[in-house]
Amino acid sequence: MSETVETISHGIYHNLITTLIQDLVARETTKEQLLRARYPDLKPYYRSPDHQLDINGKPKQQESSQYLHCDNCDRDVSANRFAAHLQRCLGRGSRR
């Protein structure tokens, strides 16, 4: 019953890899069970292949079609320009 160094090292390597994989699977299974217990009604994100729907499965809105109201200057500003508007409107050199 003489085993070679190669077969012994192969057995040790196989045992180490198997142990690591089992540990990883056990940890991830525990995380999954905890998440399912904490959030039982969690719905997965929706993925639209043509990119016309958002992650909730609703049609995407163009940012330019949304307007936000600036309370400082009392104007409606396009959503994609609102940050730049606030910087000018509330900045040091504001005209208003």
PDB file of N, CA and C in Angstrom:
ATOM      1  N   MET A   1       0.814  -1.192   0.000  1.00  0.00           N
ATOM      2  CA  MET A   1       0.000   0.000   0.000  1.00  0.00           C
ATOM      3  C   MET A   1       0.858   1.257   0.000  1.00  0.00           C
ATOM      4  N   SER A   2       1.691   1.345  -0.912  1.00  0.00           N
ATOM      5  CA  SER A   2       2.535   2.530  -0.963  1.00  0.00           C
ATOM      6  C   SER A   2       1.923   3.544  -1.933  1.00  0.00           C
ATOM      7  N   GLU A   3       1.530   4.658  -1.365  1.00  0.00           N
ATOM      8  CA  GLU A   3       0.971   5.727  -2.193  1.00  0.00           C
ATOM      9  C   GLU A   3       2.101   6.686  -2.555  1.00  0.00           C
ATOM     10  N   THR A   4       1.997   7.214  -3.705  1.00  0.00           N
ATOM     11  CA  THR A   4       3.022   8.165  -4.130  1.00  0.00           C
ATOM     12  C   THR A   4       2.704   9.545  -3.568  1.00  0.00           C
ATOM     13  N   VAL A   5       3.695  10.371  -3.587  1.00  0.00           N
ATOM     14  CA  VAL A   5       3.530  11.753  -3.115  1.00  0.00           C
ATOM     15  C   VAL A   5       2.478  12.469  -3.958  1.00  0.00           C
ATOM     16  N   GLU A   6       2.435  12.151  -5.223  1.00  0.00           N
ATOM     17  CA  GLU A   6       1.475  12.808  -6.119  1.00  0.00           C
ATOM     18  C   GLU A   6       0.036  12.462  -5.745  1.00  0.00           C
ATOM     19  N   THR A   7      -0.249  11.210  -5.447  1.00  0.00           N
ATOM     20  CA  THR A   7      -1.628  10.833  -5.097  1.00  0.00           C
ATOM     21  C   THR A   7      -2.025  11.394  -3.741  1.00  0.00           C
ATOM     22  N   ILE A   8      -1.081  11.426  -2.800  1.00  0.00           N
ATOM     23  CA  ILE A   8      -1.381  12.010  -1.486  1.00  0.00           C
ATOM     24  C   ILE A   8      -1.638  13.505  -1.621  1.00  0.00           C
ATOM     25  N   SER A   9      -0.791  14.199  -2.373  1.00  0.00           N
ATOM     26  CA  SER A   9      -0.986  15.644  -2.550  1.00  0.00           C
ATOM     27  C   SER A   9      -2.282  15.930  -3.302  1.00  0.00           C
ATOM     28  N   HIS A  10      -2.619  15.076  -4.258  1.00  0.00           N
ATOM     29  CA  HIS A  10      -3.886  15.238  -4.982  1.00  0.00           C
ATOM     30  C   HIS A  10      -5.075  15.069  -4.033  1.00  0.00           C
ATOM     31  N   GLY A  11      -5.000  14.112  -3.137  1.00  0.00           N
ATOM     32  CA  GLY A  11      -6.070  13.896  -2.159  1.00  0.00           C
ATOM     33  C   GLY A  11      -6.222  15.070  -1.209  1.00  0.00           C
ATOM     34  N   ILE A  12      -5.091  15.592  -0.723  1.00  0.00           N
ATOM     35  CA  ILE A  12      -5.131  16.750   0.176  1.00  0.00           C
ATOM     36  C   ILE A  12      -5.706  17.964  -0.545  1.00  0.00           C
ATOM     37  N   TYR A  13      -5.255  18.186  -1.768  1.00  0.00           N
ATOM     38  CA  TYR A  13      -5.761  19.312  -2.565  1.00  0.00           C
ATOM     39  C   TYR A  13      -7.265  19.176  -2.791  1.00  0.00           C
ATOM     40  N   HIS A  14      -7.714  17.990  -3.142  1.00  0.00           N
ATOM     41  CA  HIS A  14      -9.140  17.741  -3.381  1.00  0.00           C
ATOM     42  C   HIS A  14      -9.956  18.004  -2.112  1.00  0.00           C
ATOM     43  N   ASN A  15      -9.448  17.555  -0.957  1.00  0.00           N
ATOM     44  CA  ASN A  15     -10.151  17.785   0.311  1.00  0.00           C
ATOM     45  C   ASN A  15     -10.224  19.271   0.650  1.00  0.00           C
ATOM     46  N   LEU A  16      -9.137  20.009   0.415  1.00  0.00           N
ATOM     47  CA  LEU A  16      -9.134  21.450   0.688  1.00  0.00           C
ATOM     48  C   LEU A  16     -10.138  22.187  -0.196  1.00  0.00           C
ATOM     49  N   ILE A  17     -10.122  21.873  -1.478  1.00  0.00           N
ATOM     50  CA  ILE A  17     -11.043  22.536  -2.410  1.00  0.00           C
ATOM     51  C   ILE A  17     -12.485  22.202  -2.052  1.00  0.00           C
ATOM     52  N   THR A  18     -12.761  20.942  -1.746  1.00  0.00           N
ATOM     53  CA  THR A  18     -14.116  20.528  -1.378  1.00  0.00           C
ATOM     54  C   THR A  18     -14.575  21.251  -0.120  1.00  0.00           C
ATOM     55  N   THR A  19     -13.710  21.363   0.871  1.00  0.00           N
ATOM     56  CA  THR A  19     -14.051  22.058   2.112  1.00  0.00           C
ATOM     57  C   THR A  19     -14.334  23.533   1.855  1.00  0.00           C
ATOM     58  N   LEU A  20     -13.508  24.179   1.039  1.00  0.00           N
ATOM     59  CA  LEU A  20     -13.722  25.593   0.721  1.00  0.00           C
ATOM     60  C   LEU A  20     -15.042  25.807  -0.010  1.00  0.00           C
ATOM     61  N   ILE A  21     -15.353  24.950  -0.955  1.00  0.00           N
ATOM     62  CA  ILE A  21     -16.605  25.085  -1.707  1.00  0.00           C
ATOM     63  C   ILE A  21     -17.803  24.868  -0.796  1.00  0.00           C
ATOM     64  N   GLN A  22     -17.740  23.866   0.071  1.00  0.00           N
ATOM     65  CA  GLN A  22     -18.845  23.609   0.990  1.00  0.00           C
ATOM     66  C   GLN A  22     -19.043  24.779   1.947  1.00  0.00           C
ATOM     67  N   ASP A  23     -17.950  25.372   2.427  1.00  0.00           N
ATOM     68  CA  ASP A  23     -18.042  26.527   3.314  1.00  0.00           C
ATOM     69  C   ASP A  23     -18.678  27.713   2.601  1.00  0.00           C
ATOM     70  N   LEU A  24     -18.265  27.951   1.372  1.00  0.00           N
ATOM     71  CA  LEU A  24     -18.825  29.045   0.583  1.00  0.00           C
ATOM     72  C   LEU A  24     -20.318  28.848   0.333  1.00  0.00           C
ATOM     73  N   VAL A  25     -20.706  27.642  -0.041  1.00  0.00           N
ATOM     74  CA  VAL A  25     -22.119  27.347  -0.298  1.00  0.00           C
ATOM     75  C   VAL A  25     -22.933  27.499   0.982  1.00  0.00           C
ATOM     76  N   ALA A  26     -22.400  27.054   2.109  1.00  0.00           N
ATOM     77  CA  ALA A  26     -23.124  27.174   3.379  1.00  0.00           C
ATOM     78  C   ALA A  26     -23.325  28.638   3.757  1.00  0.00           C
ATOM     79  N   ARG A  27     -22.292  29.461   3.583  1.00  0.00           N
ATOM     80  CA  ARG A  27     -22.416  30.891   3.907  1.00  0.00           C
ATOM     81  C   ARG A  27     -23.446  31.580   3.015  1.00  0.00           C
ATOM     82  N   GLU A  28     -23.382  31.328   1.723  1.00  0.00           N
ATOM     83  CA  GLU A  28     -24.314  31.973   0.795  1.00  0.00           C
ATOM     84  C   GLU A  28     -25.746  31.488   1.017  1.00  0.00           C
ATOM     85  N   THR A  29     -25.923  30.227   1.350  1.00  0.00           N
ATOM     86  CA  THR A  29     -27.258  29.708   1.644  1.00  0.00           C
ATOM     87  C   THR A  29     -27.824  30.379   2.884  1.00  0.00           C
ATOM     88  N   THR A  30     -26.992  30.571   3.896  1.00  0.00           N
ATOM     89  CA  THR A  30     -27.436  31.250   5.111  1.00  0.00           C
ATOM     90  C   THR A  30     -27.833  32.691   4.811  1.00  0.00           C
ATOM     91  N   LYS A  31     -27.033  33.386   4.007  1.00  0.00           N
ATOM     92  CA  LYS A  31     -27.369  34.765   3.624  1.00  0.00           C
ATOM     93  C   LYS A  31     -28.692  34.819   2.874  1.00  0.00           C
ATOM     94  N   GLU A  32     -28.889  33.898   1.942  1.00  0.00           N
ATOM     95  CA  GLU A  32     -30.116  33.852   1.150  1.00  0.00           C
ATOM     96  C   GLU A  32     -31.326  33.600   2.042  1.00  0.00           C
ATOM     97  N   GLN A  33     -31.210  32.678   2.986  1.00  0.00           N
ATOM     98  CA  GLN A  33     -32.316  32.386   3.895  1.00  0.00           C
ATOM     99  C   GLN A  33     -32.632  33.594   4.766  1.00  0.00           C
ATOM    100  N   LEU A  34     -31.611  34.291   5.232  1.00  0.00           N
ATOM    101  CA  LEU A  34     -31.815  35.483   6.046  1.00  0.00           C
ATOM    102  C   LEU A  34     -32.517  36.576   5.246  1.00  0.00           C
ATOM    103  N   LEU A  35     -32.092  36.794   4.004  1.00  0.00           N
ATOM    104  CA  LEU A  35     -32.728  37.807   3.162  1.00  0.00           C
ATOM    105  C   LEU A  35     -34.180  37.452   2.861  1.00  0.00           C
ATOM    106  N   ARG A  36     -34.450  36.180   2.582  1.00  0.00           N
ATOM    107  CA  ARG A  36     -35.829  35.763   2.306  1.00  0.00           C
ATOM    108  C   ARG A  36     -36.709  35.886   3.546  1.00  0.00           C
ATOM    109  N   ALA A  37     -36.148  35.657   4.735  1.00  0.00           N
ATOM    110  CA  ALA A  37     -36.917  35.819   5.970  1.00  0.00           C
ATOM    111  C   ALA A  37     -37.176  37.294   6.255  1.00  0.00           C
ATOM    112  N   ARG A  38     -36.187  38.130   5.961  1.00  0.00           N
ATOM    113  CA  ARG A  38     -36.316  39.561   6.229  1.00  0.00           C
ATOM    114  C   ARG A  38     -37.218  40.259   5.215  1.00  0.00           C
ATOM    115  N   TYR A  39     -37.151  39.857   3.950  1.00  0.00           N
ATOM    116  CA  TYR A  39     -37.925  40.474   2.870  1.00  0.00           C
ATOM    117  C   TYR A  39     -38.687  39.393   2.104  1.00  0.00           C
ATOM    118  N   PRO A  40     -39.803  38.914   2.645  1.00  0.00           N
ATOM    119  CA  PRO A  40     -40.497  37.784   2.008  1.00  0.00           C
ATOM    120  C   PRO A  40     -41.156  38.125   0.676  1.00  0.00           C
ATOM    121  N   ASP A  41     -41.551  39.367   0.470  1.00  0.00           N
ATOM    122  CA  ASP A  41     -42.263  39.746  -0.751  1.00  0.00           C
ATOM    123  C   ASP A  41     -41.366  40.445  -1.758  1.00  0.00           C
ATOM    124  N   LEU A  42     -40.085  40.221  -1.674  1.00  0.00           N
ATOM    125  CA  LEU A  42     -39.139  40.891  -2.564  1.00  0.00           C
ATOM    126  C   LEU A  42     -39.324  40.414  -3.995  1.00  0.00           C
ATOM    127  N   LYS A  43     -39.499  41.380  -4.900  1.00  0.00           N
ATOM    128  CA  LYS A  43     -39.661  41.055  -6.314  1.00  0.00           C
ATOM    129  C   LYS A  43     -38.344  41.337  -7.033  1.00  0.00           C
ATOM    130  N   PRO A  44     -37.956  40.478  -7.952  1.00  0.00           N
ATOM    131  CA  PRO A  44     -36.701  40.724  -8.672  1.00  0.00           C
ATOM    132  C   PRO A  44     -36.842  41.904  -9.629  1.00  0.00           C
ATOM    133  N   TYR A  45     -35.707  42.505  -9.959  1.00  0.00           N
ATOM    134  CA  TYR A  45     -35.714  43.594 -10.920  1.00  0.00           C
ATOM    135  C   TYR A  45     -36.121  43.080 -12.291  1.00  0.00           C
ATOM    136  N   TYR A  46     -36.742  43.956 -13.064  1.00  0.00           N
ATOM    137  CA  TYR A  46     -37.140  43.605 -14.417  1.00  0.00           C
ATOM    138  C   TYR A  46     -36.042  44.057 -15.365  1.00  0.00           C
ATOM    139  N   ARG A  47     -35.673  43.203 -16.286  1.00  0.00           N
ATOM    140  CA  ARG A  47     -34.651  43.564 -17.270  1.00  0.00           C
ATOM    141  C   ARG A  47     -35.287  43.598 -18.644  1.00  0.00           C
ATOM    142  N   SER A  48     -35.284  44.771 -19.254  1.00  0.00           N
ATOM    143  CA  SER A  48     -35.870  44.953 -20.574  1.00  0.00           C
ATOM    144  C   SER A  48     -34.789  44.770 -21.635  1.00  0.00           C
ATOM    145  N   PRO A  49     -34.956  43.806 -22.546  1.00  0.00           N
ATOM    146  CA  PRO A  49     -33.917  43.599 -23.563  1.00  0.00           C
ATOM    147  C   PRO A  49     -33.769  44.774 -24.528  1.00  0.00           C
ATOM    148  N   ASP A  50     -34.847  45.540 -24.753  1.00  0.00           N
ATOM    149  CA  ASP A  50     -34.751  46.675 -25.673  1.00  0.00           C
ATOM    150  C   ASP A  50     -34.538  48.000 -24.936  1.00  0.00           C
ATOM    151  N   HIS A  51     -34.366  47.946 -23.619  1.00  0.00           N
ATOM    152  CA  HIS A  51     -34.055  49.110 -22.777  1.00  0.00           C
ATOM    153  C   HIS A  51     -35.143  50.186 -22.821  1.00  0.00           C
ATOM    154  N   GLN A  52     -36.392  49.790 -23.014  1.00  0.00           N
ATOM    155  CA  GLN A  52     -37.491  50.748 -23.028  1.00  0.00           C
ATOM    156  C   GLN A  52     -38.201  50.827 -21.678  1.00  0.00           C
ATOM    157  N   LEU A  53     -37.936  49.868 -20.776  1.00  0.00           N
ATOM    158  CA  LEU A  53     -38.593  49.825 -19.475  1.00  0.00           C
ATOM    159  C   LEU A  53     -37.554  49.971 -18.369  1.00  0.00           C
ATOM    160  N   ASP A  54     -37.999  50.530 -17.220  1.00  0.00           N
ATOM    161  CA  ASP A  54     -37.083  50.672 -16.095  1.00  0.00           C
ATOM    162  C   ASP A  54     -37.024  49.372 -15.293  1.00  0.00           C
ATOM    163  N   ILE A  55     -36.343  49.382 -14.140  1.00  0.00           N
ATOM    164  CA  ILE A  55     -36.149  48.157 -13.375  1.00  0.00           C
ATOM    165  C   ILE A  55     -37.431  47.655 -12.733  1.00  0.00           C
ATOM    166  N   ASN A  56     -38.463  48.481 -12.681  1.00  0.00           N
ATOM    167  CA  ASN A  56     -39.749  48.061 -12.136  1.00  0.00           C
ATOM    168  C   ASN A  56     -40.714  47.606 -13.219  1.00  0.00           C
ATOM    169  N   GLY A  57     -40.286  47.607 -14.482  1.00  0.00           N
ATOM    170  CA  GLY A  57     -41.134  47.159 -15.581  1.00  0.00           C
ATOM    171  C   GLY A  57     -42.045  48.238 -16.126  1.00  0.00           C
ATOM    172  N   LYS A  58     -41.813  49.480 -15.737  1.00  0.00           N
ATOM    173  CA  LYS A  58     -42.634  50.600 -16.214  1.00  0.00           C
ATOM    174  C   LYS A  58     -41.888  51.331 -17.325  1.00  0.00           C
ATOM    175  N   PRO A  59     -42.622  51.981 -18.237  1.00  0.00           N
ATOM    176  CA  PRO A  59     -41.950  52.717 -19.320  1.00  0.00           C
ATOM    177  C   PRO A  59     -41.068  53.836 -18.767  1.00  0.00           C
ATOM    178  N   LYS A  60     -39.894  53.981 -19.350  1.00  0.00           N
ATOM    179  CA  LYS A  60     -38.979  55.035 -18.924  1.00  0.00           C
ATOM    180  C   LYS A  60     -39.523  56.390 -19.339  1.00  0.00           C
ATOM    181  N   GLN A  61     -39.303  57.389 -18.489  1.00  0.00           N
ATOM    182  CA  GLN A  61     -39.668  58.758 -18.835  1.00  0.00           C
ATOM    183  C   GLN A  61     -38.393  59.492 -19.204  1.00  0.00           C
ATOM    184  N   GLN A  62     -38.513  60.357 -20.165  1.00  0.00           N
ATOM    185  CA  GLN A  62     -37.365  61.175 -20.526  1.00  0.00           C
ATOM    186  C   GLN A  62     -37.150  62.213 -19.435  1.00  0.00           C
ATOM    187  N   GLU A  63     -35.903  62.449 -19.080  1.00  0.00           N
ATOM    188  CA  GLU A  63     -35.611  63.428 -18.040  1.00  0.00           C
ATOM    189  C   GLU A  63     -36.085  64.817 -18.427  1.00  0.00           C
ATOM    190  N   SER A  64     -36.045  65.134 -19.703  1.00  0.00           N
ATOM    191  CA  SER A  64     -36.431  66.477 -20.124  1.00  0.00           C
ATOM    192  C   SER A  64     -37.934  66.692 -19.994  1.00  0.00           C
ATOM    193  N   SER A  65     -38.719  65.618 -19.870  1.00  0.00           N
ATOM    194  CA  SER A  65     -40.163  65.781 -19.734  1.00  0.00           C
ATOM    195  C   SER A  65     -40.560  66.035 -18.286  1.00  0.00           C
ATOM    196  N   GLN A  66     -39.624  65.922 -17.358  1.00  0.00           N
ATOM    197  CA  GLN A  66     -39.913  66.174 -15.953  1.00  0.00           C
ATOM    198  C   GLN A  66     -39.410  67.566 -15.584  1.00  0.00           C
ATOM    199  N   TYR A  67     -40.261  68.304 -14.918  1.00  0.00           N
ATOM    200  CA  TYR A  67     -39.880  69.643 -14.481  1.00  0.00           C
ATOM    201  C   TYR A  67     -39.982  69.726 -12.970  1.00  0.00           C
ATOM    202  N   LEU A  68     -39.014  70.396 -12.373  1.00  0.00           N
ATOM    203  CA  LEU A  68     -38.980  70.587 -10.933  1.00  0.00           C
ATOM    204  C   LEU A  68     -39.126  72.071 -10.645  1.00  0.00           C
ATOM    205  N   HIS A  69     -39.752  72.377  -9.526  1.00  0.00           N
ATOM    206  CA  HIS A  69     -40.012  73.763  -9.163  1.00  0.00           C
ATOM    207  C   HIS A  69     -38.912  74.259  -8.231  1.00  0.00           C
ATOM    208  N   CYS A  70     -38.305  75.366  -8.592  1.00  0.00           N
ATOM    209  CA  CYS A  70     -37.283  75.988  -7.757  1.00  0.00           C
ATOM    210  C   CYS A  70     -37.979  76.956  -6.815  1.00  0.00           C
ATOM    211  N   ASP A  71     -37.872  76.709  -5.522  1.00  0.00           N
ATOM    212  CA  ASP A  71     -38.532  77.574  -4.541  1.00  0.00           C
ATOM    213  C   ASP A  71     -37.804  78.901  -4.364  1.00  0.00           C
ATOM    214  N   ASN A  72     -36.543  78.958  -4.742  1.00  0.00           N
ATOM    215  CA  ASN A  72     -35.773  80.181  -4.570  1.00  0.00           C
ATOM    216  C   ASN A  72     -36.177  81.253  -5.585  1.00  0.00           C
ATOM    217  N   CYS A  73     -36.287  80.880  -6.856  1.00  0.00           N
ATOM    218  CA  CYS A  73     -36.619  81.864  -7.886  1.00  0.00           C
ATOM    219  C   CYS A  73     -38.025  81.653  -8.450  1.00  0.00           C
ATOM    220  N   ASP A  74     -38.743  80.655  -7.954  1.00  0.00           N
ATOM    221  CA  ASP A  74     -40.133  80.397  -8.328  1.00  0.00           C
ATOM    222  C   ASP A  74     -40.284  80.078  -9.816  1.00  0.00           C
ATOM    223  N   ARG A  75     -39.329  79.288 -10.352  1.00  0.00           N
ATOM    224  CA  ARG A  75     -39.392  78.890 -11.760  1.00  0.00           C
ATOM    225  C   ARG A  75     -39.454  77.378 -11.863  1.00  0.00           C
ATOM    226  N   ASP A  76     -39.999  76.886 -12.975  1.00  0.00           N
ATOM    227  CA  ASP A  76     -39.963  75.461 -13.282  1.00  0.00           C
ATOM    228  C   ASP A  76     -38.747  75.205 -14.163  1.00  0.00           C
ATOM    229  N   VAL A  77     -37.939  74.222 -13.764  1.00  0.00           N
ATOM    230  CA  VAL A  77     -36.687  73.938 -14.454  1.00  0.00           C
ATOM    231  C   VAL A  77     -36.681  72.464 -14.849  1.00  0.00           C
ATOM    232  N   SER A  78     -36.172  72.181 -16.046  1.00  0.00           N
ATOM    233  CA  SER A  78     -36.060  70.804 -16.513  1.00  0.00           C
ATOM    234  C   SER A  78     -35.200  69.998 -15.543  1.00  0.00           C
ATOM    235  N   ALA A  79     -35.585  68.736 -15.325  1.00  0.00           N
ATOM    236  CA  ALA A  79     -34.892  67.899 -14.345  1.00  0.00           C
ATOM    237  C   ALA A  79     -33.424  67.702 -14.692  1.00  0.00           C
ATOM    238  N   ASN A  80     -33.102  67.626 -15.976  1.00  0.00           N
ATOM    239  CA  ASN A  80     -31.700  67.403 -16.327  1.00  0.00           C
ATOM    240  C   ASN A  80     -30.862  68.674 -16.198  1.00  0.00           C
ATOM    241  N   ARG A  81     -31.464  69.815 -15.962  1.00  0.00           N
ATOM    242  CA  ARG A  81     -30.730  71.066 -15.750  1.00  0.00           C
ATOM    243  C   ARG A  81     -30.888  71.599 -14.328  1.00  0.00           C
ATOM    244  N   PHE A  82     -31.590  70.853 -13.465  1.00  0.00           N
ATOM    245  CA  PHE A  82     -31.923  71.374 -12.142  1.00  0.00           C
ATOM    246  C   PHE A  82     -30.686  71.580 -11.265  1.00  0.00           C
ATOM    247  N   ALA A  83     -29.734  70.660 -11.296  1.00  0.00           N
ATOM    248  CA  ALA A  83     -28.532  70.808 -10.468  1.00  0.00           C
ATOM    249  C   ALA A  83     -27.733  72.043 -10.889  1.00  0.00           C
ATOM    250  N   ALA A  84     -27.567  72.242 -12.186  1.00  0.00           N
ATOM    251  CA  ALA A  84     -26.844  73.425 -12.666  1.00  0.00           C
ATOM    252  C   ALA A  84     -27.612  74.697 -12.317  1.00  0.00           C
ATOM    253  N   HIS A  85     -28.938  74.638 -12.409  1.00  0.00           N
ATOM    254  CA  HIS A  85     -29.753  75.798 -12.065  1.00  0.00           C
ATOM    255  C   HIS A  85     -29.581  76.152 -10.587  1.00  0.00           C
ATOM    256  N   LEU A  86     -29.629  75.142  -9.718  1.00  0.00           N
ATOM    257  CA  LEU A  86     -29.469  75.416  -8.291  1.00  0.00           C
ATOM    258  C   LEU A  86     -28.099  75.994  -7.981  1.00  0.00           C
ATOM    259  N   GLN A  87     -27.096  75.531  -8.677  1.00  0.00           N
ATOM    260  CA  GLN A  87     -25.755  76.057  -8.454  1.00  0.00           C
ATOM    261  C   GLN A  87     -25.705  77.547  -8.792  1.00  0.00           C
ATOM    262  N   ARG A  88     -26.330  77.917  -9.903  1.00  0.00           N
ATOM    263  CA  ARG A  88     -26.366  79.339 -10.274  1.00  0.00           C
ATOM    264  C   ARG A  88     -27.314  80.118  -9.366  1.00  0.00           C
ATOM    265  N   CYS A  89     -28.477  79.546  -9.094  1.00  0.00           N
ATOM    266  CA  CYS A  89     -29.523  80.259  -8.364  1.00  0.00           C
ATOM    267  C   CYS A  89     -29.151  80.478  -6.892  1.00  0.00           C
ATOM    268  N   LEU A  90     -28.521  79.491  -6.277  1.00  0.00           N
ATOM    269  CA  LEU A  90     -28.185  79.597  -4.859  1.00  0.00           C
ATOM    270  C   LEU A  90     -26.730  79.974  -4.623  1.00  0.00           C
ATOM    271  N   GLY A  91     -25.969  80.105  -5.700  1.00  0.00           N
ATOM    272  CA  GLY A  91     -24.543  80.393  -5.570  1.00  0.00           C
ATOM    273  C   GLY A  91     -24.277  81.813  -5.121  1.00  0.00           C
ATOM    274  N   ARG A  92     -23.004  82.123  -4.968  1.00  0.00           N
ATOM    275  CA  ARG A  92     -22.602  83.451  -4.490  1.00  0.00           C
ATOM    276  C   ARG A  92     -23.000  84.563  -5.447  1.00  0.00           C
ATOM    277  N   GLY A  93     -22.834  84.323  -6.713  1.00  0.00           N
ATOM    278  CA  GLY A  93     -23.092  85.375  -7.687  1.00  0.00           C
ATOM    279  C   GLY A  93     -24.496  85.325  -8.254  1.00  0.00           C
ATOM    280  N   SER A  94     -25.458  84.905  -7.467  1.00  0.00           N
ATOM    281  CA  SER A  94     -26.820  84.816  -7.999  1.00  0.00           C
ATOM    282  C   SER A  94     -27.372  86.209  -8.248  1.00  0.00           C
ATOM    283  N   ARG A  95     -28.123  86.320  -9.311  1.00  0.00           N
ATOM    284  CA  ARG A  95     -28.664  87.621  -9.698  1.00  0.00           C
ATOM    285  C   ARG A  95     -29.948  87.935  -8.953  1.00  0.00           C
ATOM    286  N   ARG A  96     -30.552  86.960  -8.350  1.00  0.00           N
ATOM    287  CA  ARG A  96     -31.852  87.184  -7.697  1.00  0.00           C
ATOM    288  C   ARG A  96     -31.711  87.252  -6.211  1.00  0.00           C
TER     289      ARG A  96
END
